[in-house]
Structures are given as structure tokens and as C-alpha cells.
Amino acid sequence: MANKVEFGISNLYVGTYTVGTTGTVTMGTPYHQAGAISFSPEEQSEANNFYADNVIYYSGYTGGTFEGDLEVAKFDDTFKTQFLGYIQKASDGGLAVVKNATKPKVFIAFQVEGDQESRRCIMYNCSLGGITREYNTTEDTIEPATETIAVTVAGDNKTGISMVSYNQTSSGYSTLFTNPPAPTTT
């Protein structure tokens, strides 16, 4: 059964993605970030043309990395401290943004709905930018403010895998959010 259309995003999970000295990947415990609104990863590809004999002798494309924005209702404090380098101040309990904070590489897992079935996806070796938001006055109607973060998906360097998608009959579907698999080609 294949979807004709897909819509909606839910079940957003993020966890650390650590690569050891031998290239072995360790997947951190998945953290559920509530309030997913949209995720727009766009594959970055570039044409590579080689000219000889006054023609394009060889043409190919590079690809497999993604860039896009992740929008949620509001990133919670745990997400900010675990994945964005924020610190909780001991002196007064405030949550502080740290300039040039070291952020861990992460994986991002999520679910999309379709006309026939849901599908779950995981993206590897992601870098997170800073949060953007707008603060607006309240007018006649209340419009909730949302928060957005830039995401770059580099993919796994050893296997070349950037993203894996699971339909409901895949064995990895049911455990993706509790025990996400490290990227492998076997």
C-alpha cells in the first residue's frame, strides 16, 4: 500500500549523534519535542559537468545533504539545554543563551501521515542553528507565535546515508522512536 499524498508531521524526536574514533555511531536517547508544525528539508544537489572534445563529456550530480527549517509551537527548555547549548543559571534559575555554544550533532526522527498509511523517517548527522521567533502584540484575535530553527543534514560519513524512511510494514517502524538504528548498509 503506497500513499498518493502525504500531509502532517507529528512525533518529532531528537537525540545526539556521536561518531567515535573508528567511525562507529552512537545514537543518544530520543527526546520527544512536542508541537511539531513543519519541517522542510530540501536536498542540496549540484551539477558536475566535465568538458572534453568541445562537449559535456561527463555529467553527474552530487547530493544527499539537506537544508531546511524546523518549526514547532515552542522549543522547550530541555531541548534548548540538551541540543542548543543553553545553560540554566544556578544563581537565579534563568535560562541563558550562550554565544558560540558547542552544540552536539543530532538525529531527527518524525512521522508523516498519508492517505493510506503513516511513514516514519530519520535523518542522520544534523546540525542545528539558532531559534528564530517573533514577539507581537495581541490584537483582536490571538495568533500563537511559533519558533523555527535552521537544520543542516550532513548524513553519515561512513555509509553515506542521510535519511531512512519506514512504512508501517518495515521492521524498524515500530521501534524508530524508542530505539533508533545507527546508519548501516547491511
Protein backbone atom coordinates (compact mmCIF):
# COMPACT_ATOMS: atom_id res chain seq x y z
CA MET A 1 0.00 0.00 0.00
CA ALA A 2 1.59 3.29 -1.06
CA ASN A 3 0.49 6.82 -0.29
CA LYS A 4 -0.70 9.03 -3.10
CA VAL A 5 -0.32 12.11 -0.87
CA GLU A 6 1.30 12.89 2.46
CA PHE A 7 0.43 15.54 4.99
CA GLY A 8 1.03 16.44 8.60
CA ILE A 9 4.03 15.97 10.86
CA SER A 10 3.99 14.54 14.36
CA ASN A 11 6.10 12.54 16.78
CA LEU A 12 9.20 14.70 16.49
CA TYR A 13 12.19 13.12 18.25
CA VAL A 14 15.75 14.37 18.51
CA GLY A 15 18.80 12.67 20.01
CA THR A 16 22.56 13.02 19.99
CA TYR A 17 24.51 11.52 17.11
CA THR A 18 28.08 10.74 18.19
CA VAL A 19 30.78 9.32 15.93
CA GLY A 20 33.67 7.50 17.64
CA THR A 21 37.29 7.47 16.52
CA THR A 22 36.71 4.30 14.46
CA GLY A 23 33.61 5.74 12.79
CA THR A 24 31.16 3.84 14.98
CA VAL A 25 27.96 5.80 15.56
CA THR A 26 26.28 6.00 18.96
CA MET A 27 22.67 7.12 18.95
CA GLY A 28 21.57 9.04 22.05
CA THR A 29 18.28 8.57 23.83
CA PRO A 30 15.46 10.01 21.70
CA TYR A 31 13.87 13.14 23.18
CA HIS A 32 10.28 13.96 22.22
CA GLN A 33 9.84 17.63 21.28
CA ALA A 34 6.12 18.36 21.29
CA GLY A 35 4.38 20.80 18.98
CA ALA A 36 5.82 19.95 15.54
CA ILE A 37 4.36 22.24 12.87
CA SER A 38 6.55 21.80 9.80
CA PHE A 39 9.92 20.52 8.60
CA SER A 40 11.20 21.48 5.17
CA PRO A 41 14.41 19.58 4.39
CA GLU A 42 15.47 20.33 0.82
CA GLU A 43 18.10 18.15 -0.81
CA GLN A 44 21.15 20.11 -1.87
CA SER A 45 22.41 18.90 -5.23
CA GLU A 46 24.88 20.38 -7.66
CA ALA A 47 25.68 19.58 -11.26
CA ASN A 48 29.22 18.45 -12.05
CA ASN A 49 29.97 18.85 -15.73
CA PHE A 50 33.28 17.79 -17.27
CA TYR A 51 34.05 19.09 -20.73
CA ALA A 52 36.16 17.39 -23.39
CA ASP A 53 36.05 17.36 -27.19
CA ASN A 54 34.05 20.63 -27.00
CA VAL A 55 31.03 18.90 -25.36
CA ILE A 56 29.87 17.82 -21.94
CA TYR A 57 31.89 14.62 -21.78
CA TYR A 58 30.56 13.62 -18.37
CA SER A 59 27.71 14.97 -16.26
CA GLY A 60 26.61 13.96 -12.80
CA TYR A 61 25.07 15.35 -9.63
CA THR A 62 26.22 15.39 -6.06
CA GLY A 63 23.58 15.23 -3.37
CA GLY A 64 22.38 13.59 -0.21
CA THR A 65 22.72 16.56 2.12
CA PHE A 66 19.67 18.55 3.16
CA GLU A 67 18.98 22.03 4.48
CA GLY A 68 15.71 23.36 5.81
CA ASP A 69 13.74 24.79 8.67
CA LEU A 70 12.07 23.00 11.56
CA GLU A 71 9.08 24.86 13.01
CA VAL A 72 7.46 23.99 16.33
CA ALA A 73 4.98 25.68 18.63
CA LYS A 74 7.79 26.30 21.16
CA PHE A 75 11.11 24.58 21.82
CA ASP A 76 11.09 23.56 25.46
CA ASP A 77 13.87 24.26 27.95
CA THR A 78 15.14 20.67 27.96
CA PHE A 79 15.58 20.77 24.18
CA LYS A 80 17.44 24.07 24.47
CA THR A 81 19.89 22.79 27.10
CA GLN A 82 20.45 19.34 25.56
CA PHE A 83 20.79 20.32 21.91
CA LEU A 84 21.40 24.08 21.63
CA GLY A 85 23.95 24.74 24.37
CA TYR A 86 21.72 26.90 26.59
CA ILE A 87 22.56 26.86 30.30
CA GLN A 88 20.35 27.02 33.37
CA LYS A 89 21.79 29.67 35.67
CA ALA A 90 22.27 28.40 39.21
CA SER A 91 22.21 31.89 40.70
CA ASP A 92 18.69 32.86 39.66
CA GLY A 93 17.21 29.98 37.62
CA GLY A 94 17.22 31.86 34.31
CA LEU A 95 17.81 30.08 31.01
CA ALA A 96 20.74 31.68 29.21
CA VAL A 97 21.67 31.67 25.54
CA VAL A 98 25.44 31.14 25.30
CA LYS A 99 27.29 32.88 22.49
CA ASN A 100 29.10 30.39 20.22
CA ALA A 101 27.90 27.45 22.34
CA THR A 102 29.10 23.99 21.33
CA LYS A 103 26.12 22.04 20.05
CA PRO A 104 26.09 18.28 19.59
CA LYS A 105 25.34 16.65 16.25
CA VAL A 106 21.89 15.09 16.35
CA PHE A 107 19.49 12.77 14.57
CA ILE A 108 15.93 13.86 13.86
CA ALA A 109 13.08 11.36 13.63
CA PHE A 110 9.46 12.16 12.81
CA GLN A 111 6.21 10.80 11.40
CA VAL A 112 4.17 11.98 8.41
CA GLU A 113 0.62 10.93 7.67
CA GLY A 114 -0.66 9.85 4.27
CA ASP A 115 -3.89 8.91 2.58
CA GLN A 116 -3.14 5.18 3.07
CA GLU A 117 -0.67 4.92 5.97
CA SER A 118 1.79 6.82 8.10
CA ARG A 119 5.51 6.85 7.42
CA ARG A 120 8.40 7.43 9.82
CA CYS A 121 11.72 8.99 8.87
CA ILE A 122 15.10 9.51 10.49
CA MET A 123 17.81 11.93 9.37
CA TYR A 124 21.43 11.49 10.48
CA ASN A 125 24.28 13.82 11.47
CA CYS A 126 22.25 17.02 11.72
CA SER A 127 23.45 20.46 12.83
CA LEU A 128 21.03 22.87 14.47
CA GLY A 129 21.09 26.65 14.07
CA GLY A 130 19.65 29.21 16.44
CA ILE A 131 15.99 29.73 17.22
CA THR A 132 14.13 32.47 15.40
CA ARG A 133 10.82 33.85 16.67
CA GLU A 134 8.70 36.96 16.57
CA TYR A 135 7.20 38.74 19.53
CA ASN A 136 3.99 40.52 18.51
CA THR A 137 1.33 42.50 20.28
CA THR A 138 -2.08 40.93 20.89
CA GLU A 139 -4.78 42.23 18.58
CA ASP A 140 -8.45 41.32 18.02
CA THR A 141 -7.59 37.65 17.63
CA ILE A 142 -4.81 35.72 19.30
CA GLU A 143 -2.18 34.34 16.92
CA PRO A 144 0.21 31.93 18.61
CA ALA A 145 3.87 32.70 17.98
CA THR A 146 5.98 29.80 16.72
CA GLU A 147 9.70 29.08 16.79
CA THR A 148 11.88 27.96 13.90
CA ILE A 149 15.37 26.54 13.75
CA ALA A 150 17.62 26.00 10.73
CA VAL A 151 18.72 22.38 10.20
CA THR A 152 21.56 21.03 8.07
CA VAL A 153 21.62 17.27 7.48
CA ALA A 154 25.13 16.15 6.53
CA GLY A 155 24.38 12.42 6.65
CA ASP A 156 26.60 9.66 7.95
CA ASN A 157 30.16 9.98 6.69
CA LYS A 158 30.93 6.24 6.77
CA THR A 159 27.84 4.87 4.99
CA GLY A 160 26.71 7.98 3.12
CA ILE A 161 23.17 7.55 4.46
CA SER A 162 21.37 10.84 5.12
CA MET A 163 17.79 9.69 5.62
CA VAL A 164 15.87 6.45 6.03
CA SER A 165 12.11 6.16 5.58
CA TYR A 166 9.96 3.38 7.07
CA ASN A 167 6.43 2.40 6.11
CA GLN A 168 4.22 0.55 8.58
CA THR A 169 5.31 -2.89 7.34
CA SER A 170 9.04 -2.14 7.86
CA SER A 171 10.53 -3.85 10.89
CA GLY A 172 12.15 -0.57 12.01
CA TYR A 173 8.86 1.35 12.03
CA SER A 174 7.66 0.37 15.50
CA THR A 175 10.99 0.96 17.28
CA LEU A 176 12.20 4.10 15.50
CA PHE A 177 11.22 6.46 18.32
CA THR A 178 12.39 4.21 21.16
CA ASN A 179 15.48 2.54 19.70
CA PRO A 180 16.61 4.43 16.58
CA PRO A 181 19.06 2.47 14.41
CA ALA A 182 22.53 3.73 13.60
CA PRO A 183 23.06 4.02 9.85
CA THR A 184 24.23 0.78 8.25
CA THR A 185 24.31 -0.54 4.71
CA THR A 186 23.68 -4.19 5.61
